[in-house]
Amino acid sequence: MKTLIRKCPHCNLYTMKNICPVCGEKTVMAIPMKYSPSDKFQQYRIKLLEEDNSGKNND
């Protein structure tokens, strides 16, 4: 079942629309993916997170 509730990352408004009615930004799913111990794609997500974090400036 597809979740209906979405959140605007810009103004933090919860809505059911794909576009925020207040600021016009694209909304994202409000609920994170379910965790599964037998996740087939976990290694790829971890690799992406490591790549994203390696580019940030740690002052």
Protein backbone atom coordinates (compact mmCIF):
# COMPACT_ATOMS: atom_id res chain seq x y z
CA MET A 1 0.00 0.00 0.00
CA LYS A 2 1.29 3.40 -0.93
CA THR A 3 1.46 5.97 1.86
CA LEU A 4 -0.50 9.14 1.27
CA ILE A 5 1.07 11.58 3.71
CA ARG A 6 3.90 13.68 2.30
CA LYS A 7 6.09 16.45 3.74
CA CYS A 8 7.54 19.57 2.17
CA PRO A 9 11.30 19.73 2.92
CA HIS A 10 11.29 23.51 2.49
CA CYS A 11 8.47 24.67 4.80
CA ASN A 12 7.86 21.40 6.76
CA LEU A 13 4.18 21.33 5.85
CA TYR A 14 2.44 17.94 5.81
CA THR A 15 0.16 17.39 2.83
CA MET A 16 -1.23 14.69 0.56
CA LYS A 17 -0.19 16.49 -2.64
CA ASN A 18 2.99 16.02 -4.70
CA ILE A 19 3.57 19.78 -4.78
CA CYS A 20 3.43 21.91 -1.62
CA PRO A 21 0.39 24.21 -1.74
CA VAL A 22 2.23 26.90 0.28
CA CYS A 23 5.69 27.20 -1.31
CA GLY A 24 5.40 25.14 -4.52
CA GLU A 25 8.30 22.76 -3.69
CA LYS A 26 8.14 19.05 -4.50
CA THR A 27 7.10 17.01 -1.45
CA VAL A 28 8.73 13.79 -0.20
CA MET A 29 7.36 10.72 1.57
CA ALA A 30 6.97 11.42 5.29
CA ILE A 31 7.45 7.82 6.43
CA PRO A 32 10.89 6.16 6.04
CA MET A 33 11.31 2.79 4.38
CA LYS A 34 10.72 -0.31 6.48
CA TYR A 35 13.82 -1.96 7.96
CA SER A 36 14.49 -5.54 7.05
CA PRO A 37 17.40 -7.62 8.41
CA SER A 38 17.53 -9.46 5.09
CA ASP A 39 17.87 -6.24 3.08
CA LYS A 40 19.38 -7.05 -0.32
CA PHE A 41 20.36 -3.46 -1.08
CA GLN A 42 21.79 -2.41 2.29
CA GLN A 43 25.38 -2.41 1.06
CA TYR A 44 24.51 0.03 -1.73
CA ARG A 45 22.71 2.44 0.61
CA ILE A 46 25.63 2.38 3.06
CA LYS A 47 28.04 3.09 0.21
CA LEU A 48 25.92 6.06 -0.90
CA LEU A 49 25.80 7.43 2.64
CA GLU A 50 29.57 7.11 2.99
CA GLU A 51 30.12 8.93 -0.31
CA ASP A 52 27.75 11.72 0.75
CA ASN A 53 29.42 12.11 4.13
CA SER A 54 32.96 12.07 2.70
CA GLY A 55 32.21 15.20 0.64
CA LYS A 56 31.04 17.25 3.63
CA ASN A 57 33.37 19.66 5.40
CA ASN A 58 33.93 18.55 9.01
CA ASP A 59 35.04 21.70 10.86
